[in-house]
Amino acid sequence: YRQLERDAQGDADQLELLNLAFKDQ
């Protein structure tokens, strides 16, 4: 998650980051 947060660029990366953050919920 932290690696993706550092590398996130566009909307697609931000969406992937959100999905990773909330996948357990």
PDBML (XML) file of the C-alpha atoms, coordinates in Angstrom:
<?xml version="1.0" encoding="UTF-8" ?>
<PDBx:datablock datablockName="MODEL"
   xmlns:PDBx="http://pdbml.pdb.org/schema/pdbx-v50.xsd"
   xmlns:xsi="http://www.w3.org/2001/XMLSchema-instance"
   xsi:schemaLocation="http://pdbml.pdb.org/schema/pdbx-v50.xsd pdbx-v50.xsd">
   <PDBx:atom_siteCategory>
      <PDBx:atom_site id="1">
         <PDBx:B_iso_or_equiv>0.00</PDBx:B_iso_or_equiv>
         <PDBx:Cartn_x>0.000</PDBx:Cartn_x>
         <PDBx:Cartn_y>0.000</PDBx:Cartn_y>
         <PDBx:Cartn_z>0.000</PDBx:Cartn_z>
         <PDBx:auth_asym_id>A</PDBx:auth_asym_id>
         <PDBx:auth_atom_id>CA</PDBx:auth_atom_id>
         <PDBx:auth_comp_id>TYR</PDBx:auth_comp_id>
         <PDBx:auth_seq_id>1</PDBx:auth_seq_id>
         <PDBx:group_PDB>ATOM</PDBx:group_PDB>
         <PDBx:label_alt_id xsi:nil="true" />
         <PDBx:label_asym_id>A</PDBx:label_asym_id>
         <PDBx:label_atom_id>CA</PDBx:label_atom_id>
         <PDBx:label_comp_id>TYR</PDBx:label_comp_id>
         <PDBx:label_entity_id>1</PDBx:label_entity_id>
         <PDBx:label_seq_id>1</PDBx:label_seq_id>
         <PDBx:occupancy>1.00</PDBx:occupancy>
         <PDBx:pdbx_PDB_model_num>1</PDBx:pdbx_PDB_model_num>
         <PDBx:type_symbol>C</PDBx:type_symbol>
      </PDBx:atom_site>
      <PDBx:atom_site id="2">
         <PDBx:B_iso_or_equiv>0.00</PDBx:B_iso_or_equiv>
         <PDBx:Cartn_x>2.773</PDBx:Cartn_x>
         <PDBx:Cartn_y>2.457</PDBx:Cartn_y>
         <PDBx:Cartn_z>0.938</PDBx:Cartn_z>
         <PDBx:auth_asym_id>A</PDBx:auth_asym_id>
         <PDBx:auth_atom_id>CA</PDBx:auth_atom_id>
         <PDBx:auth_comp_id>ARG</PDBx:auth_comp_id>
         <PDBx:auth_seq_id>2</PDBx:auth_seq_id>
         <PDBx:group_PDB>ATOM</PDBx:group_PDB>
         <PDBx:label_alt_id xsi:nil="true" />
         <PDBx:label_asym_id>A</PDBx:label_asym_id>
         <PDBx:label_atom_id>CA</PDBx:label_atom_id>
         <PDBx:label_comp_id>ARG</PDBx:label_comp_id>
         <PDBx:label_entity_id>1</PDBx:label_entity_id>
         <PDBx:label_seq_id>2</PDBx:label_seq_id>
         <PDBx:occupancy>1.00</PDBx:occupancy>
         <PDBx:pdbx_PDB_model_num>1</PDBx:pdbx_PDB_model_num>
         <PDBx:type_symbol>C</PDBx:type_symbol>
      </PDBx:atom_site>
      <PDBx:atom_site id="3">
         <PDBx:B_iso_or_equiv>0.00</PDBx:B_iso_or_equiv>
         <PDBx:Cartn_x>4.658</PDBx:Cartn_x>
         <PDBx:Cartn_y>1.755</PDBx:Cartn_y>
         <PDBx:Cartn_z>-2.303</PDBx:Cartn_z>
         <PDBx:auth_asym_id>A</PDBx:auth_asym_id>
         <PDBx:auth_atom_id>CA</PDBx:auth_atom_id>
         <PDBx:auth_comp_id>GLN</PDBx:auth_comp_id>
         <PDBx:auth_seq_id>3</PDBx:auth_seq_id>
         <PDBx:group_PDB>ATOM</PDBx:group_PDB>
         <PDBx:label_alt_id xsi:nil="true" />
         <PDBx:label_asym_id>A</PDBx:label_asym_id>
         <PDBx:label_atom_id>CA</PDBx:label_atom_id>
         <PDBx:label_comp_id>GLN</PDBx:label_comp_id>
         <PDBx:label_entity_id>1</PDBx:label_entity_id>
         <PDBx:label_seq_id>3</PDBx:label_seq_id>
         <PDBx:occupancy>1.00</PDBx:occupancy>
         <PDBx:pdbx_PDB_model_num>1</PDBx:pdbx_PDB_model_num>
         <PDBx:type_symbol>C</PDBx:type_symbol>
      </PDBx:atom_site>
      <PDBx:atom_site id="4">
         <PDBx:B_iso_or_equiv>0.00</PDBx:B_iso_or_equiv>
         <PDBx:Cartn_x>1.526</PDBx:Cartn_x>
         <PDBx:Cartn_y>2.336</PDBx:Cartn_y>
         <PDBx:Cartn_z>-4.366</PDBx:Cartn_z>
         <PDBx:auth_asym_id>A</PDBx:auth_asym_id>
         <PDBx:auth_atom_id>CA</PDBx:auth_atom_id>
         <PDBx:auth_comp_id>LEU</PDBx:auth_comp_id>
         <PDBx:auth_seq_id>4</PDBx:auth_seq_id>
         <PDBx:group_PDB>ATOM</PDBx:group_PDB>
         <PDBx:label_alt_id xsi:nil="true" />
         <PDBx:label_asym_id>A</PDBx:label_asym_id>
         <PDBx:label_atom_id>CA</PDBx:label_atom_id>
         <PDBx:label_comp_id>LEU</PDBx:label_comp_id>
         <PDBx:label_entity_id>1</PDBx:label_entity_id>
         <PDBx:label_seq_id>4</PDBx:label_seq_id>
         <PDBx:occupancy>1.00</PDBx:occupancy>
         <PDBx:pdbx_PDB_model_num>1</PDBx:pdbx_PDB_model_num>
         <PDBx:type_symbol>C</PDBx:type_symbol>
      </PDBx:atom_site>
      <PDBx:atom_site id="5">
         <PDBx:B_iso_or_equiv>0.00</PDBx:B_iso_or_equiv>
         <PDBx:Cartn_x>0.834</PDBx:Cartn_x>
         <PDBx:Cartn_y>5.541</PDBx:Cartn_y>
         <PDBx:Cartn_z>-2.422</PDBx:Cartn_z>
         <PDBx:auth_asym_id>A</PDBx:auth_asym_id>
         <PDBx:auth_atom_id>CA</PDBx:auth_atom_id>
         <PDBx:auth_comp_id>GLU</PDBx:auth_comp_id>
         <PDBx:auth_seq_id>5</PDBx:auth_seq_id>
         <PDBx:group_PDB>ATOM</PDBx:group_PDB>
         <PDBx:label_alt_id xsi:nil="true" />
         <PDBx:label_asym_id>A</PDBx:label_asym_id>
         <PDBx:label_atom_id>CA</PDBx:label_atom_id>
         <PDBx:label_comp_id>GLU</PDBx:label_comp_id>
         <PDBx:label_entity_id>1</PDBx:label_entity_id>
         <PDBx:label_seq_id>5</PDBx:label_seq_id>
         <PDBx:occupancy>1.00</PDBx:occupancy>
         <PDBx:pdbx_PDB_model_num>1</PDBx:pdbx_PDB_model_num>
         <PDBx:type_symbol>C</PDBx:type_symbol>
      </PDBx:atom_site>
      <PDBx:atom_site id="6">
         <PDBx:B_iso_or_equiv>0.00</PDBx:B_iso_or_equiv>
         <PDBx:Cartn_x>4.316</PDBx:Cartn_x>
         <PDBx:Cartn_y>6.856</PDBx:Cartn_y>
         <PDBx:Cartn_z>-3.293</PDBx:Cartn_z>
         <PDBx:auth_asym_id>A</PDBx:auth_asym_id>
         <PDBx:auth_atom_id>CA</PDBx:auth_atom_id>
         <PDBx:auth_comp_id>ARG</PDBx:auth_comp_id>
         <PDBx:auth_seq_id>6</PDBx:auth_seq_id>
         <PDBx:group_PDB>ATOM</PDBx:group_PDB>
         <PDBx:label_alt_id xsi:nil="true" />
         <PDBx:label_asym_id>A</PDBx:label_asym_id>
         <PDBx:label_atom_id>CA</PDBx:label_atom_id>
         <PDBx:label_comp_id>ARG</PDBx:label_comp_id>
         <PDBx:label_entity_id>1</PDBx:label_entity_id>
         <PDBx:label_seq_id>6</PDBx:label_seq_id>
         <PDBx:occupancy>1.00</PDBx:occupancy>
         <PDBx:pdbx_PDB_model_num>1</PDBx:pdbx_PDB_model_num>
         <PDBx:type_symbol>C</PDBx:type_symbol>
      </PDBx:atom_site>
      <PDBx:atom_site id="7">
         <PDBx:B_iso_or_equiv>0.00</PDBx:B_iso_or_equiv>
         <PDBx:Cartn_x>4.077</PDBx:Cartn_x>
         <PDBx:Cartn_y>5.871</PDBx:Cartn_y>
         <PDBx:Cartn_z>-6.971</PDBx:Cartn_z>
         <PDBx:auth_asym_id>A</PDBx:auth_asym_id>
         <PDBx:auth_atom_id>CA</PDBx:auth_atom_id>
         <PDBx:auth_comp_id>ASP</PDBx:auth_comp_id>
         <PDBx:auth_seq_id>7</PDBx:auth_seq_id>
         <PDBx:group_PDB>ATOM</PDBx:group_PDB>
         <PDBx:label_alt_id xsi:nil="true" />
         <PDBx:label_asym_id>A</PDBx:label_asym_id>
         <PDBx:label_atom_id>CA</PDBx:label_atom_id>
         <PDBx:label_comp_id>ASP</PDBx:label_comp_id>
         <PDBx:label_entity_id>1</PDBx:label_entity_id>
         <PDBx:label_seq_id>7</PDBx:label_seq_id>
         <PDBx:occupancy>1.00</PDBx:occupancy>
         <PDBx:pdbx_PDB_model_num>1</PDBx:pdbx_PDB_model_num>
         <PDBx:type_symbol>C</PDBx:type_symbol>
      </PDBx:atom_site>
      <PDBx:atom_site id="8">
         <PDBx:B_iso_or_equiv>0.00</PDBx:B_iso_or_equiv>
         <PDBx:Cartn_x>0.451</PDBx:Cartn_x>
         <PDBx:Cartn_y>6.832</PDBx:Cartn_y>
         <PDBx:Cartn_z>-7.636</PDBx:Cartn_z>
         <PDBx:auth_asym_id>A</PDBx:auth_asym_id>
         <PDBx:auth_atom_id>CA</PDBx:auth_atom_id>
         <PDBx:auth_comp_id>ALA</PDBx:auth_comp_id>
         <PDBx:auth_seq_id>8</PDBx:auth_seq_id>
         <PDBx:group_PDB>ATOM</PDBx:group_PDB>
         <PDBx:label_alt_id xsi:nil="true" />
         <PDBx:label_asym_id>A</PDBx:label_asym_id>
         <PDBx:label_atom_id>CA</PDBx:label_atom_id>
         <PDBx:label_comp_id>ALA</PDBx:label_comp_id>
         <PDBx:label_entity_id>1</PDBx:label_entity_id>
         <PDBx:label_seq_id>8</PDBx:label_seq_id>
         <PDBx:occupancy>1.00</PDBx:occupancy>
         <PDBx:pdbx_PDB_model_num>1</PDBx:pdbx_PDB_model_num>
         <PDBx:type_symbol>C</PDBx:type_symbol>
      </PDBx:atom_site>
      <PDBx:atom_site id="9">
         <PDBx:B_iso_or_equiv>0.00</PDBx:B_iso_or_equiv>
         <PDBx:Cartn_x>0.191</PDBx:Cartn_x>
         <PDBx:Cartn_y>9.212</PDBx:Cartn_y>
         <PDBx:Cartn_z>-10.593</PDBx:Cartn_z>
         <PDBx:auth_asym_id>A</PDBx:auth_asym_id>
         <PDBx:auth_atom_id>CA</PDBx:auth_atom_id>
         <PDBx:auth_comp_id>GLN</PDBx:auth_comp_id>
         <PDBx:auth_seq_id>9</PDBx:auth_seq_id>
         <PDBx:group_PDB>ATOM</PDBx:group_PDB>
         <PDBx:label_alt_id xsi:nil="true" />
         <PDBx:label_asym_id>A</PDBx:label_asym_id>
         <PDBx:label_atom_id>CA</PDBx:label_atom_id>
         <PDBx:label_comp_id>GLN</PDBx:label_comp_id>
         <PDBx:label_entity_id>1</PDBx:label_entity_id>
         <PDBx:label_seq_id>9</PDBx:label_seq_id>
         <PDBx:occupancy>1.00</PDBx:occupancy>
         <PDBx:pdbx_PDB_model_num>1</PDBx:pdbx_PDB_model_num>
         <PDBx:type_symbol>C</PDBx:type_symbol>
      </PDBx:atom_site>
      <PDBx:atom_site id="10">
         <PDBx:B_iso_or_equiv>0.00</PDBx:B_iso_or_equiv>
         <PDBx:Cartn_x>-3.148</PDBx:Cartn_x>
         <PDBx:Cartn_y>9.394</PDBx:Cartn_y>
         <PDBx:Cartn_z>-12.384</PDBx:Cartn_z>
         <PDBx:auth_asym_id>A</PDBx:auth_asym_id>
         <PDBx:auth_atom_id>CA</PDBx:auth_atom_id>
         <PDBx:auth_comp_id>GLY</PDBx:auth_comp_id>
         <PDBx:auth_seq_id>10</PDBx:auth_seq_id>
         <PDBx:group_PDB>ATOM</PDBx:group_PDB>
         <PDBx:label_alt_id xsi:nil="true" />
         <PDBx:label_asym_id>A</PDBx:label_asym_id>
         <PDBx:label_atom_id>CA</PDBx:label_atom_id>
         <PDBx:label_comp_id>GLY</PDBx:label_comp_id>
         <PDBx:label_entity_id>1</PDBx:label_entity_id>
         <PDBx:label_seq_id>10</PDBx:label_seq_id>
         <PDBx:occupancy>1.00</PDBx:occupancy>
         <PDBx:pdbx_PDB_model_num>1</PDBx:pdbx_PDB_model_num>
         <PDBx:type_symbol>C</PDBx:type_symbol>
      </PDBx:atom_site>
      <PDBx:atom_site id="11">
         <PDBx:B_iso_or_equiv>0.00</PDBx:B_iso_or_equiv>
         <PDBx:Cartn_x>-6.781</PDBx:Cartn_x>
         <PDBx:Cartn_y>8.539</PDBx:Cartn_y>
         <PDBx:Cartn_z>-11.584</PDBx:Cartn_z>
         <PDBx:auth_asym_id>A</PDBx:auth_asym_id>
         <PDBx:auth_atom_id>CA</PDBx:auth_atom_id>
         <PDBx:auth_comp_id>ASP</PDBx:auth_comp_id>
         <PDBx:auth_seq_id>11</PDBx:auth_seq_id>
         <PDBx:group_PDB>ATOM</PDBx:group_PDB>
         <PDBx:label_alt_id xsi:nil="true" />
         <PDBx:label_asym_id>A</PDBx:label_asym_id>
         <PDBx:label_atom_id>CA</PDBx:label_atom_id>
         <PDBx:label_comp_id>ASP</PDBx:label_comp_id>
         <PDBx:label_entity_id>1</PDBx:label_entity_id>
         <PDBx:label_seq_id>11</PDBx:label_seq_id>
         <PDBx:occupancy>1.00</PDBx:occupancy>
         <PDBx:pdbx_PDB_model_num>1</PDBx:pdbx_PDB_model_num>
         <PDBx:type_symbol>C</PDBx:type_symbol>
      </PDBx:atom_site>
      <PDBx:atom_site id="12">
         <PDBx:B_iso_or_equiv>0.00</PDBx:B_iso_or_equiv>
         <PDBx:Cartn_x>-6.282</PDBx:Cartn_x>
         <PDBx:Cartn_y>4.830</PDBx:Cartn_y>
         <PDBx:Cartn_z>-12.268</PDBx:Cartn_z>
         <PDBx:auth_asym_id>A</PDBx:auth_asym_id>
         <PDBx:auth_atom_id>CA</PDBx:auth_atom_id>
         <PDBx:auth_comp_id>ALA</PDBx:auth_comp_id>
         <PDBx:auth_seq_id>12</PDBx:auth_seq_id>
         <PDBx:group_PDB>ATOM</PDBx:group_PDB>
         <PDBx:label_alt_id xsi:nil="true" />
         <PDBx:label_asym_id>A</PDBx:label_asym_id>
         <PDBx:label_atom_id>CA</PDBx:label_atom_id>
         <PDBx:label_comp_id>ALA</PDBx:label_comp_id>
         <PDBx:label_entity_id>1</PDBx:label_entity_id>
         <PDBx:label_seq_id>12</PDBx:label_seq_id>
         <PDBx:occupancy>1.00</PDBx:occupancy>
         <PDBx:pdbx_PDB_model_num>1</PDBx:pdbx_PDB_model_num>
         <PDBx:type_symbol>C</PDBx:type_symbol>
      </PDBx:atom_site>
      <PDBx:atom_site id="13">
         <PDBx:B_iso_or_equiv>0.00</PDBx:B_iso_or_equiv>
         <PDBx:Cartn_x>-3.516</PDBx:Cartn_x>
         <PDBx:Cartn_y>4.627</PDBx:Cartn_y>
         <PDBx:Cartn_z>-9.669</PDBx:Cartn_z>
         <PDBx:auth_asym_id>A</PDBx:auth_asym_id>
         <PDBx:auth_atom_id>CA</PDBx:auth_atom_id>
         <PDBx:auth_comp_id>ASP</PDBx:auth_comp_id>
         <PDBx:auth_seq_id>13</PDBx:auth_seq_id>
         <PDBx:group_PDB>ATOM</PDBx:group_PDB>
         <PDBx:label_alt_id xsi:nil="true" />
         <PDBx:label_asym_id>A</PDBx:label_asym_id>
         <PDBx:label_atom_id>CA</PDBx:label_atom_id>
         <PDBx:label_comp_id>ASP</PDBx:label_comp_id>
         <PDBx:label_entity_id>1</PDBx:label_entity_id>
         <PDBx:label_seq_id>13</PDBx:label_seq_id>
         <PDBx:occupancy>1.00</PDBx:occupancy>
         <PDBx:pdbx_PDB_model_num>1</PDBx:pdbx_PDB_model_num>
         <PDBx:type_symbol>C</PDBx:type_symbol>
      </PDBx:atom_site>
      <PDBx:atom_site id="14">
         <PDBx:B_iso_or_equiv>0.00</PDBx:B_iso_or_equiv>
         <PDBx:Cartn_x>-5.602</PDBx:Cartn_x>
         <PDBx:Cartn_y>6.558</PDBx:Cartn_y>
         <PDBx:Cartn_z>-7.151</PDBx:Cartn_z>
         <PDBx:auth_asym_id>A</PDBx:auth_asym_id>
         <PDBx:auth_atom_id>CA</PDBx:auth_atom_id>
         <PDBx:auth_comp_id>GLN</PDBx:auth_comp_id>
         <PDBx:auth_seq_id>14</PDBx:auth_seq_id>
         <PDBx:group_PDB>ATOM</PDBx:group_PDB>
         <PDBx:label_alt_id xsi:nil="true" />
         <PDBx:label_asym_id>A</PDBx:label_asym_id>
         <PDBx:label_atom_id>CA</PDBx:label_atom_id>
         <PDBx:label_comp_id>GLN</PDBx:label_comp_id>
         <PDBx:label_entity_id>1</PDBx:label_entity_id>
         <PDBx:label_seq_id>14</PDBx:label_seq_id>
         <PDBx:occupancy>1.00</PDBx:occupancy>
         <PDBx:pdbx_PDB_model_num>1</PDBx:pdbx_PDB_model_num>
         <PDBx:type_symbol>C</PDBx:type_symbol>
      </PDBx:atom_site>
      <PDBx:atom_site id="15">
         <PDBx:B_iso_or_equiv>0.00</PDBx:B_iso_or_equiv>
         <PDBx:Cartn_x>-8.533</PDBx:Cartn_x>
         <PDBx:Cartn_y>4.188</PDBx:Cartn_y>
         <PDBx:Cartn_z>-7.715</PDBx:Cartn_z>
         <PDBx:auth_asym_id>A</PDBx:auth_asym_id>
         <PDBx:auth_atom_id>CA</PDBx:auth_atom_id>
         <PDBx:auth_comp_id>LEU</PDBx:auth_comp_id>
         <PDBx:auth_seq_id>15</PDBx:auth_seq_id>
         <PDBx:group_PDB>ATOM</PDBx:group_PDB>
         <PDBx:label_alt_id xsi:nil="true" />
         <PDBx:label_asym_id>A</PDBx:label_asym_id>
         <PDBx:label_atom_id>CA</PDBx:label_atom_id>
         <PDBx:label_comp_id>LEU</PDBx:label_comp_id>
         <PDBx:label_entity_id>1</PDBx:label_entity_id>
         <PDBx:label_seq_id>15</PDBx:label_seq_id>
         <PDBx:occupancy>1.00</PDBx:occupancy>
         <PDBx:pdbx_PDB_model_num>1</PDBx:pdbx_PDB_model_num>
         <PDBx:type_symbol>C</PDBx:type_symbol>
      </PDBx:atom_site>
      <PDBx:atom_site id="16">
         <PDBx:B_iso_or_equiv>0.00</PDBx:B_iso_or_equiv>
         <PDBx:Cartn_x>-6.262</PDBx:Cartn_x>
         <PDBx:Cartn_y>1.172</PDBx:Cartn_y>
         <PDBx:Cartn_z>-7.198</PDBx:Cartn_z>
         <PDBx:auth_asym_id>A</PDBx:auth_asym_id>
         <PDBx:auth_atom_id>CA</PDBx:auth_atom_id>
         <PDBx:auth_comp_id>GLU</PDBx:auth_comp_id>
         <PDBx:auth_seq_id>16</PDBx:auth_seq_id>
         <PDBx:group_PDB>ATOM</PDBx:group_PDB>
         <PDBx:label_alt_id xsi:nil="true" />
         <PDBx:label_asym_id>A</PDBx:label_asym_id>
         <PDBx:label_atom_id>CA</PDBx:label_atom_id>
         <PDBx:label_comp_id>GLU</PDBx:label_comp_id>
         <PDBx:label_entity_id>1</PDBx:label_entity_id>
         <PDBx:label_seq_id>16</PDBx:label_seq_id>
         <PDBx:occupancy>1.00</PDBx:occupancy>
         <PDBx:pdbx_PDB_model_num>1</PDBx:pdbx_PDB_model_num>
         <PDBx:type_symbol>C</PDBx:type_symbol>
      </PDBx:atom_site>
      <PDBx:atom_site id="17">
         <PDBx:B_iso_or_equiv>0.00</PDBx:B_iso_or_equiv>
         <PDBx:Cartn_x>-4.969</PDBx:Cartn_x>
         <PDBx:Cartn_y>2.789</PDBx:Cartn_y>
         <PDBx:Cartn_z>-4.019</PDBx:Cartn_z>
         <PDBx:auth_asym_id>A</PDBx:auth_asym_id>
         <PDBx:auth_atom_id>CA</PDBx:auth_atom_id>
         <PDBx:auth_comp_id>LEU</PDBx:auth_comp_id>
         <PDBx:auth_seq_id>17</PDBx:auth_seq_id>
         <PDBx:group_PDB>ATOM</PDBx:group_PDB>
         <PDBx:label_alt_id xsi:nil="true" />
         <PDBx:label_asym_id>A</PDBx:label_asym_id>
         <PDBx:label_atom_id>CA</PDBx:label_atom_id>
         <PDBx:label_comp_id>LEU</PDBx:label_comp_id>
         <PDBx:label_entity_id>1</PDBx:label_entity_id>
         <PDBx:label_seq_id>17</PDBx:label_seq_id>
         <PDBx:occupancy>1.00</PDBx:occupancy>
         <PDBx:pdbx_PDB_model_num>1</PDBx:pdbx_PDB_model_num>
         <PDBx:type_symbol>C</PDBx:type_symbol>
      </PDBx:atom_site>
      <PDBx:atom_site id="18">
         <PDBx:B_iso_or_equiv>0.00</PDBx:B_iso_or_equiv>
         <PDBx:Cartn_x>-8.514</PDBx:Cartn_x>
         <PDBx:Cartn_y>3.272</PDBx:Cartn_y>
         <PDBx:Cartn_z>-2.712</PDBx:Cartn_z>
         <PDBx:auth_asym_id>A</PDBx:auth_asym_id>
         <PDBx:auth_atom_id>CA</PDBx:auth_atom_id>
         <PDBx:auth_comp_id>LEU</PDBx:auth_comp_id>
         <PDBx:auth_seq_id>18</PDBx:auth_seq_id>
         <PDBx:group_PDB>ATOM</PDBx:group_PDB>
         <PDBx:label_alt_id xsi:nil="true" />
         <PDBx:label_asym_id>A</PDBx:label_asym_id>
         <PDBx:label_atom_id>CA</PDBx:label_atom_id>
         <PDBx:label_comp_id>LEU</PDBx:label_comp_id>
         <PDBx:label_entity_id>1</PDBx:label_entity_id>
         <PDBx:label_seq_id>18</PDBx:label_seq_id>
         <PDBx:occupancy>1.00</PDBx:occupancy>
         <PDBx:pdbx_PDB_model_num>1</PDBx:pdbx_PDB_model_num>
         <PDBx:type_symbol>C</PDBx:type_symbol>
      </PDBx:atom_site>
      <PDBx:atom_site id="19">
         <PDBx:B_iso_or_equiv>0.00</PDBx:B_iso_or_equiv>
         <PDBx:Cartn_x>-9.446</PDBx:Cartn_x>
         <PDBx:Cartn_y>-0.310</PDBx:Cartn_y>
         <PDBx:Cartn_z>-3.527</PDBx:Cartn_z>
         <PDBx:auth_asym_id>A</PDBx:auth_asym_id>
         <PDBx:auth_atom_id>CA</PDBx:auth_atom_id>
         <PDBx:auth_comp_id>ASN</PDBx:auth_comp_id>
         <PDBx:auth_seq_id>19</PDBx:auth_seq_id>
         <PDBx:group_PDB>ATOM</PDBx:group_PDB>
         <PDBx:label_alt_id xsi:nil="true" />
         <PDBx:label_asym_id>A</PDBx:label_asym_id>
         <PDBx:label_atom_id>CA</PDBx:label_atom_id>
         <PDBx:label_comp_id>ASN</PDBx:label_comp_id>
         <PDBx:label_entity_id>1</PDBx:label_entity_id>
         <PDBx:label_seq_id>19</PDBx:label_seq_id>
         <PDBx:occupancy>1.00</PDBx:occupancy>
         <PDBx:pdbx_PDB_model_num>1</PDBx:pdbx_PDB_model_num>
         <PDBx:type_symbol>C</PDBx:type_symbol>
      </PDBx:atom_site>
      <PDBx:atom_site id="20">
         <PDBx:B_iso_or_equiv>0.00</PDBx:B_iso_or_equiv>
         <PDBx:Cartn_x>-6.367</PDBx:Cartn_x>
         <PDBx:Cartn_y>-1.567</PDBx:Cartn_y>
         <PDBx:Cartn_z>-1.685</PDBx:Cartn_z>
         <PDBx:auth_asym_id>A</PDBx:auth_asym_id>
         <PDBx:auth_atom_id>CA</PDBx:auth_atom_id>
         <PDBx:auth_comp_id>LEU</PDBx:auth_comp_id>
         <PDBx:auth_seq_id>20</PDBx:auth_seq_id>
         <PDBx:group_PDB>ATOM</PDBx:group_PDB>
         <PDBx:label_alt_id xsi:nil="true" />
         <PDBx:label_asym_id>A</PDBx:label_asym_id>
         <PDBx:label_atom_id>CA</PDBx:label_atom_id>
         <PDBx:label_comp_id>LEU</PDBx:label_comp_id>
         <PDBx:label_entity_id>1</PDBx:label_entity_id>
         <PDBx:label_seq_id>20</PDBx:label_seq_id>
         <PDBx:occupancy>1.00</PDBx:occupancy>
         <PDBx:pdbx_PDB_model_num>1</PDBx:pdbx_PDB_model_num>
         <PDBx:type_symbol>C</PDBx:type_symbol>
      </PDBx:atom_site>
      <PDBx:atom_site id="21">
         <PDBx:B_iso_or_equiv>0.00</PDBx:B_iso_or_equiv>
         <PDBx:Cartn_x>-7.135</PDBx:Cartn_x>
         <PDBx:Cartn_y>0.660</PDBx:Cartn_y>
         <PDBx:Cartn_z>1.316</PDBx:Cartn_z>
         <PDBx:auth_asym_id>A</PDBx:auth_asym_id>
         <PDBx:auth_atom_id>CA</PDBx:auth_atom_id>
         <PDBx:auth_comp_id>ALA</PDBx:auth_comp_id>
         <PDBx:auth_seq_id>21</PDBx:auth_seq_id>
         <PDBx:group_PDB>ATOM</PDBx:group_PDB>
         <PDBx:label_alt_id xsi:nil="true" />
         <PDBx:label_asym_id>A</PDBx:label_asym_id>
         <PDBx:label_atom_id>CA</PDBx:label_atom_id>
         <PDBx:label_comp_id>ALA</PDBx:label_comp_id>
         <PDBx:label_entity_id>1</PDBx:label_entity_id>
         <PDBx:label_seq_id>21</PDBx:label_seq_id>
         <PDBx:occupancy>1.00</PDBx:occupancy>
         <PDBx:pdbx_PDB_model_num>1</PDBx:pdbx_PDB_model_num>
         <PDBx:type_symbol>C</PDBx:type_symbol>
      </PDBx:atom_site>
      <PDBx:atom_site id="22">
         <PDBx:B_iso_or_equiv>0.00</PDBx:B_iso_or_equiv>
         <PDBx:Cartn_x>-10.742</PDBx:Cartn_x>
         <PDBx:Cartn_y>-0.543</PDBx:Cartn_y>
         <PDBx:Cartn_z>1.577</PDBx:Cartn_z>
         <PDBx:auth_asym_id>A</PDBx:auth_asym_id>
         <PDBx:auth_atom_id>CA</PDBx:auth_atom_id>
         <PDBx:auth_comp_id>PHE</PDBx:auth_comp_id>
         <PDBx:auth_seq_id>22</PDBx:auth_seq_id>
         <PDBx:group_PDB>ATOM</PDBx:group_PDB>
         <PDBx:label_alt_id xsi:nil="true" />
         <PDBx:label_asym_id>A</PDBx:label_asym_id>
         <PDBx:label_atom_id>CA</PDBx:label_atom_id>
         <PDBx:label_comp_id>PHE</PDBx:label_comp_id>
         <PDBx:label_entity_id>1</PDBx:label_entity_id>
         <PDBx:label_seq_id>22</PDBx:label_seq_id>
         <PDBx:occupancy>1.00</PDBx:occupancy>
         <PDBx:pdbx_PDB_model_num>1</PDBx:pdbx_PDB_model_num>
         <PDBx:type_symbol>C</PDBx:type_symbol>
      </PDBx:atom_site>
      <PDBx:atom_site id="23">
         <PDBx:B_iso_or_equiv>0.00</PDBx:B_iso_or_equiv>
         <PDBx:Cartn_x>-10.593</PDBx:Cartn_x>
         <PDBx:Cartn_y>-4.112</PDBx:Cartn_y>
         <PDBx:Cartn_z>0.300</PDBx:Cartn_z>
         <PDBx:auth_asym_id>A</PDBx:auth_asym_id>
         <PDBx:auth_atom_id>CA</PDBx:auth_atom_id>
         <PDBx:auth_comp_id>LYS</PDBx:auth_comp_id>
         <PDBx:auth_seq_id>23</PDBx:auth_seq_id>
         <PDBx:group_PDB>ATOM</PDBx:group_PDB>
         <PDBx:label_alt_id xsi:nil="true" />
         <PDBx:label_asym_id>A</PDBx:label_asym_id>
         <PDBx:label_atom_id>CA</PDBx:label_atom_id>
         <PDBx:label_comp_id>LYS</PDBx:label_comp_id>
         <PDBx:label_entity_id>1</PDBx:label_entity_id>
         <PDBx:label_seq_id>23</PDBx:label_seq_id>
         <PDBx:occupancy>1.00</PDBx:occupancy>
         <PDBx:pdbx_PDB_model_num>1</PDBx:pdbx_PDB_model_num>
         <PDBx:type_symbol>C</PDBx:type_symbol>
      </PDBx:atom_site>
      <PDBx:atom_site id="24">
         <PDBx:B_iso_or_equiv>0.00</PDBx:B_iso_or_equiv>
         <PDBx:Cartn_x>-10.784</PDBx:Cartn_x>
         <PDBx:Cartn_y>-5.560</PDBx:Cartn_y>
         <PDBx:Cartn_z>3.829</PDBx:Cartn_z>
         <PDBx:auth_asym_id>A</PDBx:auth_asym_id>
         <PDBx:auth_atom_id>CA</PDBx:auth_atom_id>
         <PDBx:auth_comp_id>ASP</PDBx:auth_comp_id>
         <PDBx:auth_seq_id>24</PDBx:auth_seq_id>
         <PDBx:group_PDB>ATOM</PDBx:group_PDB>
         <PDBx:label_alt_id xsi:nil="true" />
         <PDBx:label_asym_id>A</PDBx:label_asym_id>
         <PDBx:label_atom_id>CA</PDBx:label_atom_id>
         <PDBx:label_comp_id>ASP</PDBx:label_comp_id>
         <PDBx:label_entity_id>1</PDBx:label_entity_id>
         <PDBx:label_seq_id>24</PDBx:label_seq_id>
         <PDBx:occupancy>1.00</PDBx:occupancy>
         <PDBx:pdbx_PDB_model_num>1</PDBx:pdbx_PDB_model_num>
         <PDBx:type_symbol>C</PDBx:type_symbol>
      </PDBx:atom_site>
      <PDBx:atom_site id="25">
         <PDBx:B_iso_or_equiv>0.00</PDBx:B_iso_or_equiv>
         <PDBx:Cartn_x>-13.837</PDBx:Cartn_x>
         <PDBx:Cartn_y>-3.435</PDBx:Cartn_y>
         <PDBx:Cartn_z>4.641</PDBx:Cartn_z>
         <PDBx:auth_asym_id>A</PDBx:auth_asym_id>
         <PDBx:auth_atom_id>CA</PDBx:auth_atom_id>
         <PDBx:auth_comp_id>GLN</PDBx:auth_comp_id>
         <PDBx:auth_seq_id>25</PDBx:auth_seq_id>
         <PDBx:group_PDB>ATOM</PDBx:group_PDB>
         <PDBx:label_alt_id xsi:nil="true" />
         <PDBx:label_asym_id>A</PDBx:label_asym_id>
         <PDBx:label_atom_id>CA</PDBx:label_atom_id>
         <PDBx:label_comp_id>GLN</PDBx:label_comp_id>
         <PDBx:label_entity_id>1</PDBx:label_entity_id>
         <PDBx:label_seq_id>25</PDBx:label_seq_id>
         <PDBx:occupancy>1.00</PDBx:occupancy>
         <PDBx:pdbx_PDB_model_num>1</PDBx:pdbx_PDB_model_num>
         <PDBx:type_symbol>C</PDBx:type_symbol>
      </PDBx:atom_site>
   </PDBx:atom_siteCategory>
</PDBx:datablock>
